[in-house]
PDB file of N, CA and C in Angstrom:
ATOM      1  N   MET A   1      -2.323 -15.629   8.053  1.00  0.00           N
ATOM      2  CA  MET A   1      -0.962 -15.465   8.249  1.00  0.00           C
ATOM      3  C   MET A   1      -0.677 -13.459   8.198  1.00  0.00           C
ATOM      4  N   PRO A   2      -1.192 -13.259   6.741  1.00  0.00           N
ATOM      5  CA  PRO A   2      -0.923 -11.475   6.574  1.00  0.00           C
ATOM      6  C   PRO A   2      -0.602 -10.676   7.794  1.00  0.00           C
ATOM      7  N   VAL A   3      -2.450 -11.074   8.707  1.00  0.00           N
ATOM      8  CA  VAL A   3      -2.325 -10.617   9.885  1.00  0.00           C
ATOM      9  C   VAL A   3      -1.445 -10.220  11.117  1.00  0.00           C
ATOM     10  N   CYS A   4      -0.963 -11.533  11.359  1.00  0.00           N
ATOM     11  CA  CYS A   4       0.036 -11.694  11.980  1.00  0.00           C
ATOM     12  C   CYS A   4       1.699 -11.426  11.658  1.00  0.00           C
ATOM     13  N   LEU A   5       1.989 -11.302  10.576  1.00  0.00           N
ATOM     14  CA  LEU A   5       3.021 -10.403   9.776  1.00  0.00           C
ATOM     15  C   LEU A   5       3.022  -9.150   9.575  1.00  0.00           C
ATOM     16  N   THR A   6       1.630  -8.575   9.655  1.00  0.00           N
ATOM     17  CA  THR A   6       1.336  -6.708   9.938  1.00  0.00           C
ATOM     18  C   THR A   6       1.823  -6.637  11.050  1.00  0.00           C
ATOM     19  N   TYR A   7       0.964  -7.292  12.515  1.00  0.00           N
ATOM     20  CA  TYR A   7       1.425  -7.044  13.607  1.00  0.00           C
ATOM     21  C   TYR A   7       2.754  -6.984  14.159  1.00  0.00           C
ATOM     22  N   PHE A   8       3.063  -8.025  13.462  1.00  0.00           N
ATOM     23  CA  PHE A   8       4.702  -8.332  14.305  1.00  0.00           C
ATOM     24  C   PHE A   8       5.369  -7.027  13.479  1.00  0.00           C
ATOM     25  N   SER A   9       5.407  -6.618  12.331  1.00  0.00           N
ATOM     26  CA  SER A   9       6.083  -5.593  11.380  1.00  0.00           C
ATOM     27  C   SER A   9       5.501  -4.240  12.247  1.00  0.00           C
ATOM     28  N   PHE A  10       4.514  -4.215  12.586  1.00  0.00           N
ATOM     29  CA  PHE A  10       4.013  -2.824  13.356  1.00  0.00           C
ATOM     30  C   PHE A  10       4.871  -2.764  14.853  1.00  0.00           C
ATOM     31  N   SER A  11       4.841  -3.774  15.324  1.00  0.00           N
ATOM     32  CA  SER A  11       5.098  -3.907  17.089  1.00  0.00           C
ATOM     33  C   SER A  11       6.589  -3.535  16.909  1.00  0.00           C
ATOM     34  N   PHE A  12       7.514  -3.932  15.794  1.00  0.00           N
ATOM     35  CA  PHE A  12       8.795  -3.742  15.642  1.00  0.00           C
ATOM     36  C   PHE A  12       9.325  -2.491  15.543  1.00  0.00           C
ATOM     37  N   LEU A  13       8.180  -1.702  14.582  1.00  0.00           N
ATOM     38  CA  LEU A  13       8.757  -0.744  14.533  1.00  0.00           C
ATOM     39  C   LEU A  13       8.393   0.014  15.067  1.00  0.00           C
ATOM     40  N   LEU A  14       7.082   0.067  16.190  1.00  0.00           N
ATOM     41  CA  LEU A  14       6.778   0.790  17.415  1.00  0.00           C
ATOM     42  C   LEU A  14       8.054   0.260  18.526  1.00  0.00           C
ATOM     43  N   PHE A  15       8.462  -0.947  17.991  1.00  0.00           N
ATOM     44  CA  PHE A  15       9.447  -1.144  19.817  1.00  0.00           C
ATOM     45  C   PHE A  15      10.584  -0.031  19.178  1.00  0.00           C
ATOM     46  N   ASN A  16      11.219  -0.255  18.246  1.00  0.00           N
ATOM     47  CA  ASN A  16      12.188   0.455  17.639  1.00  0.00           C
ATOM     48  C   ASN A  16      11.985   1.844  17.776  1.00  0.00           C
ATOM     49  N   LYS A  17      10.934   2.795  18.018  1.00  0.00           N
ATOM     50  CA  LYS A  17      10.660   3.653  17.675  1.00  0.00           C
ATOM     51  C   LYS A  17      10.933   4.343  19.423  1.00  0.00           C
ATOM     52  N   LYS A  18      10.366   3.210  20.409  1.00  0.00           N
ATOM     53  CA  LYS A  18      10.478   3.385  21.816  1.00  0.00           C
ATOM     54  C   LYS A  18      11.673   3.464  22.009  1.00  0.00           C
ATOM     55  N   LEU A  19      12.701   2.605  21.757  1.00  0.00           N
ATOM     56  CA  LEU A  19      13.844   2.193  22.303  1.00  0.00           C
ATOM     57  C   LEU A  19      14.585   3.148  22.337  1.00  0.00           C
ATOM     58  N   SER A  20      15.048   3.239  20.768  1.00  0.00           N
ATOM     59  CA  SER A  20      16.091   4.234  20.384  1.00  0.00           C
ATOM     60  C   SER A  20      15.384   4.788  19.546  1.00  0.00           C
ATOM     61  N   PHE A  21      15.090   6.857  19.214  1.00  0.00           N
ATOM     62  CA  PHE A  21      14.386   7.356  18.410  1.00  0.00           C
ATOM     63  C   PHE A  21      15.514   7.795  16.967  1.00  0.00           C
ATOM     64  N   GLN A  22      17.048   7.537  17.572  1.00  0.00           N
ATOM     65  CA  GLN A  22      18.211   7.881  16.379  1.00  0.00           C
ATOM     66  C   GLN A  22      18.292   6.314  15.566  1.00  0.00           C
ATOM     67  N   ASN A  23      18.429   5.312  16.021  1.00  0.00           N
ATOM     68  CA  ASN A  23      18.329   4.088  15.476  1.00  0.00           C
ATOM     69  C   ASN A  23      17.079   3.416  14.616  1.00  0.00           C
ATOM     70  N   SER A  24      15.998   4.205  14.892  1.00  0.00           N
ATOM     71  CA  SER A  24      14.681   3.276  14.318  1.00  0.00           C
ATOM     72  C   SER A  24      14.384   3.830  13.158  1.00  0.00           C
ATOM     73  N   TYR A  25      12.957   2.717  12.801  1.00  0.00           N
ATOM     74  CA  TYR A  25      13.052   3.380  10.912  1.00  0.00           C
ATOM     75  C   TYR A  25      11.703   4.017  10.932  1.00  0.00           C
ATOM     76  N   HIS A  26      11.950   4.799  10.239  1.00  0.00           N
ATOM     77  CA  HIS A  26      11.027   6.058   9.585  1.00  0.00           C
ATOM     78  C   HIS A  26      10.335   5.480   8.578  1.00  0.00           C
ATOM     79  N   VAL A  27       9.614   4.838   8.713  1.00  0.00           N
ATOM     80  CA  VAL A  27       8.770   4.068   7.374  1.00  0.00           C
ATOM     81  C   VAL A  27       7.159   4.393   7.638  1.00  0.00           C
ATOM     82  N   ASN A  28       6.722   4.668   6.091  1.00  0.00           N
ATOM     83  CA  ASN A  28       5.173   4.035   6.021  1.00  0.00           C
ATOM     84  C   ASN A  28       5.232   2.722   5.432  1.00  0.00           C
ATOM     85  N   ILE A  29       3.932   1.842   5.508  1.00  0.00           N
ATOM     86  CA  ILE A  29       4.171   0.610   4.859  1.00  0.00           C
ATOM     87  C   ILE A  29       2.704   0.340   4.267  1.00  0.00           C
ATOM     88  N   LEU A  30       2.800   0.071   3.404  1.00  0.00           N
ATOM     89  CA  LEU A  30       1.278  -0.401   2.794  1.00  0.00           C
ATOM     90  C   LEU A  30       1.551  -2.221   2.602  1.00  0.00           C
ATOM     91  N   MET A  31       1.375  -3.244   3.403  1.00  0.00           N
ATOM     92  CA  MET A  31       1.728  -4.305   3.544  1.00  0.00           C
ATOM     93  C   MET A  31       0.476  -5.134   3.211  1.00  0.00           C
ATOM     94  N   ALA A  32       0.094  -6.053   1.900  1.00  0.00           N
ATOM     95  CA  ALA A  32      -0.615  -6.764   1.326  1.00  0.00           C
ATOM     96  C   ALA A  32      -0.414  -8.269   1.646  1.00  0.00           C
ATOM     97  N   GLY A  33      -1.305  -9.100   1.867  1.00  0.00           N
ATOM     98  CA  GLY A  33      -0.675 -10.658   1.882  1.00  0.00           C
ATOM     99  C   GLY A  33      -2.595 -11.260   1.674  1.00  0.00           C
ATOM    100  N   TYR A  34      -2.341 -12.747   1.391  1.00  0.00           N
ATOM    101  CA  TYR A  34      -3.362 -13.641   1.007  1.00  0.00           C
ATOM    102  C   TYR A  34      -3.134 -14.648   1.825  1.00  0.00           C
ATOM    103  N   ASP A  35      -3.959 -15.380   2.574  1.00  0.00           N
ATOM    104  CA  ASP A  35      -4.556 -16.477   2.996  1.00  0.00           C
ATOM    105  C   ASP A  35      -5.923 -16.896   2.847  1.00  0.00           C
ATOM    106  N   THR A  36      -5.926 -18.091   3.043  1.00  0.00           N
ATOM    107  CA  THR A  36      -7.317 -18.815   2.879  1.00  0.00           C
ATOM    108  C   THR A  36      -8.019 -18.777   4.119  1.00  0.00           C
ATOM    109  N   GLU A  37      -7.873 -18.060   5.039  1.00  0.00           N
ATOM    110  CA  GLU A  37      -8.813 -17.358   6.343  1.00  0.00           C
ATOM    111  C   GLU A  37      -9.167 -15.825   5.995  1.00  0.00           C
ATOM    112  N   THR A  38      -8.450 -15.153   5.886  1.00  0.00           N
ATOM    113  CA  THR A  38      -8.796 -13.541   5.589  1.00  0.00           C
ATOM    114  C   THR A  38      -8.955 -13.173   4.486  1.00  0.00           C
ATOM    115  N   TRP A  39      -8.534 -14.138   3.425  1.00  0.00           N
ATOM    116  CA  TRP A  39      -8.544 -13.793   1.616  1.00  0.00           C
ATOM    117  C   TRP A  39      -7.361 -12.667   1.883  1.00  0.00           C
ATOM    118  N   PRO A  40      -7.911 -11.729   0.778  1.00  0.00           N
ATOM    119  CA  PRO A  40      -6.578 -10.882   0.702  1.00  0.00           C
ATOM    120  C   PRO A  40      -6.916 -10.008   1.794  1.00  0.00           C
ATOM    121  N   SER A  41      -5.401  -9.368   2.072  1.00  0.00           N
ATOM    122  CA  SER A  41      -5.970  -8.041   3.160  1.00  0.00           C
ATOM    123  C   SER A  41      -4.620  -7.157   2.923  1.00  0.00           C
ATOM    124  N   LEU A  42      -4.643  -6.325   3.018  1.00  0.00           N
ATOM    125  CA  LEU A  42      -4.383  -4.511   2.941  1.00  0.00           C
ATOM    126  C   LEU A  42      -3.977  -3.995   4.608  1.00  0.00           C
ATOM    127  N   TYR A  43      -2.947  -3.330   4.736  1.00  0.00           N
ATOM    128  CA  TYR A  43      -2.894  -3.118   5.940  1.00  0.00           C
ATOM    129  C   TYR A  43      -1.827  -1.376   5.652  1.00  0.00           C
ATOM    130  N   HIS A  44      -2.051  -0.506   6.343  1.00  0.00           N
ATOM    131  CA  HIS A  44      -1.629   0.847   6.368  1.00  0.00           C
ATOM    132  C   HIS A  44      -0.780   0.552   7.332  1.00  0.00           C
ATOM    133  N   ILE A  45       0.568   0.925   7.651  1.00  0.00           N
ATOM    134  CA  ILE A  45       1.510   1.028   8.857  1.00  0.00           C
ATOM    135  C   ILE A  45       1.688   2.303   8.591  1.00  0.00           C
ATOM    136  N   ASP A  46       1.730   3.003   9.526  1.00  0.00           N
ATOM    137  CA  ASP A  46       2.096   4.785   9.838  1.00  0.00           C
ATOM    138  C   ASP A  46       2.868   5.102  10.983  1.00  0.00           C
ATOM    139  N   TYR A  47       3.817   4.734  10.367  1.00  0.00           N
ATOM    140  CA  TYR A  47       5.081   5.583  11.692  1.00  0.00           C
ATOM    141  C   TYR A  47       5.045   6.390  12.268  1.00  0.00           C
ATOM    142  N   ASN A  48       4.352   7.703  12.022  1.00  0.00           N
ATOM    143  CA  ASN A  48       4.186   9.279  12.625  1.00  0.00           C
ATOM    144  C   ASN A  48       3.311   9.271  13.994  1.00  0.00           C
ATOM    145  N   ILE A  49       2.527   8.517  13.701  1.00  0.00           N
ATOM    146  CA  ILE A  49       1.200   8.301  14.644  1.00  0.00           C
ATOM    147  C   ILE A  49       1.249   6.852  15.028  1.00  0.00           C
ATOM    148  N   ALA A  50       1.908   5.785  14.563  1.00  0.00           N
ATOM    149  CA  ALA A  50       1.973   4.795  15.536  1.00  0.00           C
ATOM    150  C   ALA A  50       0.865   4.103  15.045  1.00  0.00           C
ATOM    151  N   SER A  51       0.308   3.712  13.818  1.00  0.00           N
ATOM    152  CA  SER A  51      -1.082   2.990  13.740  1.00  0.00           C
ATOM    153  C   SER A  51      -1.010   2.190  13.056  1.00  0.00           C
ATOM    154  N   LEU A  52      -1.961   1.485  13.187  1.00  0.00           N
ATOM    155  CA  LEU A  52      -2.489   0.238  11.731  1.00  0.00           C
ATOM    156  C   LEU A  52      -3.812  -0.106  11.640  1.00  0.00           C
ATOM    157  N   HIS A  53      -4.083   0.120  10.170  1.00  0.00           N
ATOM    158  CA  HIS A  53      -5.362   0.381  10.257  1.00  0.00           C
ATOM    159  C   HIS A  53      -5.520  -0.928   8.722  1.00  0.00           C
ATOM    160  N   LYS A  54      -6.614  -1.419   8.569  1.00  0.00           N
ATOM    161  CA  LYS A  54      -6.857  -2.307   7.787  1.00  0.00           C
ATOM    162  C   LYS A  54      -7.847  -1.797   6.703  1.00  0.00           C
ATOM    163  N   VAL A  55      -7.045  -1.581   5.193  1.00  0.00           N
ATOM    164  CA  VAL A  55      -7.876  -1.033   4.420  1.00  0.00           C
ATOM    165  C   VAL A  55      -8.433  -1.678   3.213  1.00  0.00           C
ATOM    166  N   GLU A  56      -8.853  -1.177   2.367  1.00  0.00           N
ATOM    167  CA  GLU A  56      -9.257  -2.038   1.330  1.00  0.00           C
ATOM    168  C   GLU A  56      -8.284  -1.473   0.090  1.00  0.00           C
ATOM    169  N   LYS A  57      -8.273  -0.212   0.274  1.00  0.00           N
ATOM    170  CA  LYS A  57      -7.386   0.461  -0.776  1.00  0.00           C
ATOM    171  C   LYS A  57      -6.098   1.614  -0.328  1.00  0.00           C
ATOM    172  N   GLY A  58      -4.986   1.932  -0.793  1.00  0.00           N
ATOM    173  CA  GLY A  58      -4.185   2.590  -0.035  1.00  0.00           C
ATOM    174  C   GLY A  58      -3.104   3.586  -1.267  1.00  0.00           C
ATOM    175  N   ALA A  59      -2.528   4.302  -0.189  1.00  0.00           N
ATOM    176  CA  ALA A  59      -1.770   5.207  -0.746  1.00  0.00           C
ATOM    177  C   ALA A  59      -1.145   6.080   0.370  1.00  0.00           C
ATOM    178  N   PHE A  60       0.118   6.691   0.021  1.00  0.00           N
ATOM    179  CA  PHE A  60       0.871   7.602   0.919  1.00  0.00           C
ATOM    180  C   PHE A  60       1.840   8.306   0.353  1.00  0.00           C
ATOM    181  N   GLY A  61       2.163   9.576   0.784  1.00  0.00           N
ATOM    182  CA  GLY A  61       2.870  10.478  -0.162  1.00  0.00           C
ATOM    183  C   GLY A  61       2.438  11.696  -0.518  1.00  0.00           C
ATOM    184  N   TYR A  62       2.876  12.589  -1.373  1.00  0.00           N
ATOM    185  CA  TYR A  62       2.413  13.849  -1.939  1.00  0.00           C
ATOM    186  C   TYR A  62       1.107  13.025  -2.708  1.00  0.00           C
ATOM    187  N   GLY A  63       1.685  12.040  -3.826  1.00  0.00           N
ATOM    188  CA  GLY A  63       0.721  11.540  -4.730  1.00  0.00           C
ATOM    189  C   GLY A  63      -0.562  10.967  -4.504  1.00  0.00           C
ATOM    190  N   SER A  64      -0.708  10.729  -3.262  1.00  0.00           N
ATOM    191  CA  SER A  64      -1.895  10.004  -2.512  1.00  0.00           C
ATOM    192  C   SER A  64      -2.985  10.836  -2.702  1.00  0.00           C
ATOM    193  N   TYR A  65      -3.161  12.274  -2.223  1.00  0.00           N
ATOM    194  CA  TYR A  65      -3.978  13.250  -2.523  1.00  0.00           C
ATOM    195  C   TYR A  65      -4.626  12.502  -3.827  1.00  0.00           C
ATOM    196  N   PHE A  66      -3.840  12.526  -5.141  1.00  0.00           N
ATOM    197  CA  PHE A  66      -4.787  12.138  -6.540  1.00  0.00           C
ATOM    198  C   PHE A  66      -4.925  10.931  -6.540  1.00  0.00           C
ATOM    199  N   ALA A  67      -3.931  10.001  -6.244  1.00  0.00           N
ATOM    200  CA  ALA A  67      -4.531   8.455  -6.283  1.00  0.00           C
ATOM    201  C   ALA A  67      -5.344   8.047  -5.326  1.00  0.00           C
ATOM    202  N   LEU A  68      -5.835   8.787  -4.214  1.00  0.00           N
ATOM    203  CA  LEU A  68      -7.045   8.372  -3.298  1.00  0.00           C
ATOM    204  C   LEU A  68      -8.004   8.808  -3.756  1.00  0.00           C
ATOM    205  N   SER A  69      -8.252   9.834  -4.553  1.00  0.00           N
ATOM    206  CA  SER A  69      -9.305  11.005  -5.361  1.00  0.00           C
ATOM    207  C   SER A  69      -9.917   9.633  -6.534  1.00  0.00           C
ATOM    208  N   LEU A  70      -8.500   9.181  -7.385  1.00  0.00           N
ATOM    209  CA  LEU A  70      -9.416   8.340  -8.089  1.00  0.00           C
ATOM    210  C   LEU A  70      -9.904   6.941  -7.272  1.00  0.00           C
ATOM    211  N   MET A  71      -9.212   6.372  -6.406  1.00  0.00           N
ATOM    212  CA  MET A  71      -9.272   5.403  -5.865  1.00  0.00           C
ATOM    213  C   MET A  71     -10.939   5.166  -5.544  1.00  0.00           C
ATOM    214  N   ASP A  72     -11.410   6.373  -4.889  1.00  0.00           N
ATOM    215  CA  ASP A  72     -12.856   6.615  -3.979  1.00  0.00           C
ATOM    216  C   ASP A  72     -13.603   6.766  -5.208  1.00  0.00           C
ATOM    217  N   ARG A  73     -13.679   6.762  -6.069  1.00  0.00           N
ATOM    218  CA  ARG A  73     -14.405   7.417  -7.664  1.00  0.00           C
ATOM    219  C   ARG A  73     -14.578   5.810  -8.189  1.00  0.00           C
ATOM    220  N   HIS A  74     -13.353   5.172  -8.791  1.00  0.00           N
ATOM    221  CA  HIS A  74     -13.513   4.269  -9.268  1.00  0.00           C
ATOM    222  C   HIS A  74     -13.261   2.851  -8.954  1.00  0.00           C
ATOM    223  N   TYR A  75     -13.060   2.568  -7.292  1.00  0.00           N
ATOM    224  CA  TYR A  75     -12.874   1.377  -6.892  1.00  0.00           C
ATOM    225  C   TYR A  75     -14.013   0.509  -6.279  1.00  0.00           C
ATOM    226  N   HIS A  76     -14.338  -0.717  -6.726  1.00  0.00           N
ATOM    227  CA  HIS A  76     -15.282  -1.513  -5.877  1.00  0.00           C
ATOM    228  C   HIS A  76     -14.965  -2.707  -5.616  1.00  0.00           C
ATOM    229  N   SER A  77     -15.430  -3.599  -4.287  1.00  0.00           N
ATOM    230  CA  SER A  77     -14.807  -4.743  -3.735  1.00  0.00           C
ATOM    231  C   SER A  77     -15.466  -5.830  -5.205  1.00  0.00           C
ATOM    232  N   GLY A  78     -14.495  -6.449  -5.163  1.00  0.00           N
ATOM    233  CA  GLY A  78     -14.571  -7.721  -6.156  1.00  0.00           C
ATOM    234  C   GLY A  78     -13.858  -7.090  -7.758  1.00  0.00           C
ATOM    235  N   MET A  79     -12.927  -6.250  -7.576  1.00  0.00           N
ATOM    236  CA  MET A  79     -12.616  -5.896  -9.001  1.00  0.00           C
ATOM    237  C   MET A  79     -11.650  -7.053  -9.575  1.00  0.00           C
ATOM    238  N   SER A  80     -11.560  -7.096 -10.683  1.00  0.00           N
ATOM    239  CA  SER A  80     -10.720  -8.055 -11.169  1.00  0.00           C
ATOM    240  C   SER A  80      -9.143  -7.809 -11.109  1.00  0.00           C
ATOM    241  N   VAL A  81      -8.098  -8.426 -11.477  1.00  0.00           N
ATOM    242  CA  VAL A  81      -7.108  -8.132 -11.687  1.00  0.00           C
ATOM    243  C   VAL A  81      -6.595  -7.132 -12.483  1.00  0.00           C
ATOM    244  N   GLU A  82      -6.997  -7.136 -13.701  1.00  0.00           N
ATOM    245  CA  GLU A  82      -7.252  -6.432 -14.749  1.00  0.00           C
ATOM    246  C   GLU A  82      -7.597  -5.179 -14.473  1.00  0.00           C
ATOM    247  N   GLU A  83      -9.068  -5.054 -13.638  1.00  0.00           N
ATOM    248  CA  GLU A  83      -9.693  -3.683 -13.261  1.00  0.00           C
ATOM    249  C   GLU A  83      -8.688  -2.615 -12.717  1.00  0.00           C
ATOM    250  N   ALA A  84      -8.364  -3.911 -11.537  1.00  0.00           N
ATOM    251  CA  ALA A  84      -7.090  -2.961 -10.641  1.00  0.00           C
ATOM    252  C   ALA A  84      -6.325  -2.528 -10.870  1.00  0.00           C
ATOM    253  N   ILE A  85      -5.522  -3.204 -12.146  1.00  0.00           N
ATOM    254  CA  ILE A  85      -4.015  -2.540 -12.733  1.00  0.00           C
ATOM    255  C   ILE A  85      -4.436  -1.338 -13.708  1.00  0.00           C
ATOM    256  N   ASP A  86      -5.613  -1.456 -14.201  1.00  0.00           N
ATOM    257  CA  ASP A  86      -6.001  -0.379 -15.177  1.00  0.00           C
ATOM    258  C   ASP A  86      -6.320   0.772 -14.169  1.00  0.00           C
ATOM    259  N   LEU A  87      -6.832   0.872 -12.923  1.00  0.00           N
ATOM    260  CA  LEU A  87      -6.969   1.854 -11.946  1.00  0.00           C
ATOM    261  C   LEU A  87      -5.837   2.129 -11.797  1.00  0.00           C
ATOM    262  N   VAL A  88      -4.818   1.823 -10.739  1.00  0.00           N
ATOM    263  CA  VAL A  88      -3.397   1.913 -10.852  1.00  0.00           C
ATOM    264  C   VAL A  88      -2.743   2.594 -11.663  1.00  0.00           C
ATOM    265  N   ASN A  89      -3.025   2.103 -12.946  1.00  0.00           N
ATOM    266  CA  ASN A  89      -2.161   2.897 -14.153  1.00  0.00           C
ATOM    267  C   ASN A  89      -2.754   4.259 -14.496  1.00  0.00           C
ATOM    268  N   LYS A  90      -4.018   4.345 -14.178  1.00  0.00           N
ATOM    269  CA  LYS A  90      -4.760   5.721 -14.179  1.00  0.00           C
ATOM    270  C   LYS A  90      -4.219   6.752 -12.350  1.00  0.00           C
ATOM    271  N   CYS A  91      -3.874   6.005 -11.621  1.00  0.00           N
ATOM    272  CA  CYS A  91      -3.602   6.464 -10.804  1.00  0.00           C
ATOM    273  C   CYS A  91      -1.899   7.203 -10.823  1.00  0.00           C
ATOM    274  N   ILE A  92      -1.482   6.369 -11.747  1.00  0.00           N
ATOM    275  CA  ILE A  92       0.091   6.772 -11.892  1.00  0.00           C
ATOM    276  C   ILE A  92       0.308   7.720 -13.191  1.00  0.00           C
ATOM    277  N   ILE A  93      -0.928   8.069 -13.855  1.00  0.00           N
ATOM    278  CA  ILE A  93      -1.125   9.208 -15.220  1.00  0.00           C
ATOM    279  C   ILE A  93      -1.206   9.945 -14.430  1.00  0.00           C
ATOM    280  N   GLU A  94      -1.939  10.119 -13.347  1.00  0.00           N
ATOM    281  CA  GLU A  94      -2.455  11.255 -12.620  1.00  0.00           C
ATOM    282  C   GLU A  94      -1.541  12.195 -11.821  1.00  0.00           C
ATOM    283  N   ILE A  95      -0.336  11.177 -11.066  1.00  0.00           N
ATOM    284  CA  ILE A  95      -0.032  11.662 -10.328  1.00  0.00           C
ATOM    285  C   ILE A  95       1.450  12.238 -11.323  1.00  0.00           C
ATOM    286  N   ARG A  96       1.920  11.663 -12.303  1.00  0.00           N
ATOM    287  CA  ARG A  96       2.842  11.803 -13.479  1.00  0.00           C
ATOM    288  C   ARG A  96       2.411  12.916 -13.719  1.00  0.00           C
ATOM    289  N   SER A  97       1.138  13.531 -14.119  1.00  0.00           N
ATOM    290  CA  SER A  97       0.685  15.003 -14.760  1.00  0.00           C
ATOM    291  C   SER A  97       0.684  16.245 -13.810  1.00  0.00           C
ATOM    292  N   ARG A  98       0.153  15.832 -12.750  1.00  0.00           N
ATOM    293  CA  ARG A  98       0.087  16.832 -11.580  1.00  0.00           C
ATOM    294  C   ARG A  98       1.348  17.290 -10.986  1.00  0.00           C
ATOM    295  N   LEU A  99       2.431  16.363 -10.631  1.00  0.00           N
ATOM    296  CA  LEU A  99       2.827  16.403  -9.700  1.00  0.00           C
ATOM    297  C   LEU A  99       4.862  16.883 -10.244  1.00  0.00           C
ATOM    298  N   VAL A 100       5.489  17.596  -9.801  1.00  0.00           N
ATOM    299  CA  VAL A 100       6.480  18.116 -10.450  1.00  0.00           C
ATOM    300  C   VAL A 100       7.501  17.270 -10.140  1.00  0.00           C
ATOM    301  N   MET A 101       7.923  16.857  -9.391  1.00  0.00           N
ATOM    302  CA  MET A 101       8.930  16.356  -8.832  1.00  0.00           C
ATOM    303  C   MET A 101       8.319  14.608  -8.864  1.00  0.00           C
ATOM    304  N   ALA A 102       7.147  14.132  -9.972  1.00  0.00           N
ATOM    305  CA  ALA A 102       6.760  12.703  -9.534  1.00  0.00           C
ATOM    306  C   ALA A 102       7.965  12.160 -10.141  1.00  0.00           C
ATOM    307  N   PRO A 103       7.967  10.552  -9.379  1.00  0.00           N
ATOM    308  CA  PRO A 103       8.854   9.257  -9.355  1.00  0.00           C
ATOM    309  C   PRO A 103       8.947   9.121 -11.179  1.00  0.00           C
ATOM    310  N   PRO A 104       9.928   8.764 -11.443  1.00  0.00           N
ATOM    311  CA  PRO A 104      10.083   8.546 -13.104  1.00  0.00           C
ATOM    312  C   PRO A 104       9.666   6.943 -12.974  1.00  0.00           C
ATOM    313  N   ASN A 105       9.645   5.917 -11.745  1.00  0.00           N
ATOM    314  CA  ASN A 105       9.378   4.651 -12.283  1.00  0.00           C
ATOM    315  C   ASN A 105       8.617   3.769 -11.080  1.00  0.00           C
ATOM    316  N   PHE A 106       7.640   3.316 -11.303  1.00  0.00           N
ATOM    317  CA  PHE A 106       6.701   2.668 -10.549  1.00  0.00           C
ATOM    318  C   PHE A 106       6.672   1.226 -10.371  1.00  0.00           C
ATOM    319  N   VAL A 107       6.478   0.446  -8.987  1.00  0.00           N
ATOM    320  CA  VAL A 107       6.245  -1.236  -9.515  1.00  0.00           C
ATOM    321  C   VAL A 107       4.901  -1.366  -8.253  1.00  0.00           C
ATOM    322  N   ILE A 108       4.532  -2.498  -9.438  1.00  0.00           N
ATOM    323  CA  ILE A 108       3.141  -2.776  -8.965  1.00  0.00           C
ATOM    324  C   ILE A 108       3.427  -4.242  -8.572  1.00  0.00           C
ATOM    325  N   LYS A 109       3.079  -4.806  -7.230  1.00  0.00           N
ATOM    326  CA  LYS A 109       2.990  -6.058  -6.905  1.00  0.00           C
ATOM    327  C   LYS A 109       1.623  -6.539  -6.375  1.00  0.00           C
ATOM    328  N   ILE A 110       1.380  -7.679  -7.281  1.00  0.00           N
ATOM    329  CA  ILE A 110      -0.322  -8.265  -7.239  1.00  0.00           C
ATOM    330  C   ILE A 110       0.175  -9.633  -6.110  1.00  0.00           C
ATOM    331  N   ALA A 111      -0.506  -9.320  -5.057  1.00  0.00           N
ATOM    332  CA  ALA A 111      -0.754 -10.547  -4.191  1.00  0.00           C
ATOM    333  C   ALA A 111      -1.925 -11.484  -4.283  1.00  0.00           C
ATOM    334  N   ASP A 112      -2.005 -12.682  -4.510  1.00  0.00           N
ATOM    335  CA  ASP A 112      -3.432 -13.095  -4.608  1.00  0.00           C
ATOM    336  C   ASP A 112      -2.774 -14.599  -4.344  1.00  0.00           C
ATOM    337  N   LYS A 113      -4.440 -15.569  -4.434  1.00  0.00           N
ATOM    338  CA  LYS A 113      -4.263 -16.893  -4.240  1.00  0.00           C
ATOM    339  C   LYS A 113      -3.127 -17.704  -5.297  1.00  0.00           C
ATOM    340  N   ASP A 114      -2.328 -16.848  -6.362  1.00  0.00           N
ATOM    341  CA  ASP A 114      -1.525 -17.456  -7.234  1.00  0.00           C
ATOM    342  C   ASP A 114       0.243 -17.554  -6.541  1.00  0.00           C
ATOM    343  N   GLY A 115       0.082 -16.200  -5.344  1.00  0.00           N
ATOM    344  CA  GLY A 115       1.074 -15.982  -5.037  1.00  0.00           C
ATOM    345  C   GLY A 115       1.738 -14.465  -4.913  1.00  0.00           C
ATOM    346  N   ALA A 116       2.750 -14.226  -5.261  1.00  0.00           N
ATOM    347  CA  ALA A 116       3.186 -12.553  -4.964  1.00  0.00           C
ATOM    348  C   ALA A 116       3.940 -12.564  -6.285  1.00  0.00           C
ATOM    349  N   ARG A 117       3.608 -11.122  -7.337  1.00  0.00           N
ATOM    350  CA  ARG A 117       4.354 -11.046  -8.470  1.00  0.00           C
ATOM    351  C   ARG A 117       4.836  -9.603  -8.980  1.00  0.00           C
ATOM    352  N   GLU A 118       5.377  -9.468  -9.524  1.00  0.00           N
ATOM    353  CA  GLU A 118       5.108  -7.695  -9.733  1.00  0.00           C
ATOM    354  C   GLU A 118       4.732  -7.551 -11.673  1.00  0.00           C
ATOM    355  N   TYR A 119       4.341  -6.588 -11.660  1.00  0.00           N
ATOM    356  CA  TYR A 119       3.487  -6.214 -12.880  1.00  0.00           C
ATOM    357  C   TYR A 119       4.646  -5.047 -13.088  1.00  0.00           C
ATOM    358  N   ILE A 120       5.365  -4.533 -14.515  1.00  0.00           N
ATOM    359  CA  ILE A 120       5.733  -4.142 -15.226  1.00  0.00           C
ATOM    360  C   ILE A 120       4.549  -3.222 -15.398  1.00  0.00           C
ATOM    361  N   CYS A 121       4.909  -1.837 -14.790  1.00  0.00           N
ATOM    362  CA  CYS A 121       3.484  -0.501 -15.176  1.00  0.00           C
ATOM    363  C   CYS A 121       4.273  -0.041 -16.848  1.00  0.00           C
ATOM    364  N   ILE A 122       3.477   0.836 -16.714  1.00  0.00           N
ATOM    365  CA  ILE A 122       3.438   1.741 -18.306  1.00  0.00           C
ATOM    366  C   ILE A 122       4.654   2.946 -17.979  1.00  0.00           C
TER     367      ILE A 122
END
């Protein structure tokens, strides 16, 4: 199911881009989902170059340079939820310490076999 929803969203955004540039959506998306066939999936949809990629980890924006370098160092497949939250918290701390205009609030969403839920971050 996450694959179908991701391709639908990608084609919708791309179609709107071709149909009317003025009224189209200009967004980058990290879309996550879970099902029993493909297990957890994460997709990065990049509006600017009209691309869709399945990724293991992802970030975008100015803070992504710092977050992705931490993820490259600390991410491994099969991480527990607690390990993943700890890694995301490290990324948030790094972004807040390095970016002058860092966002004050972050929202962590967890998607797994138990459903989707929001985690209140530090």
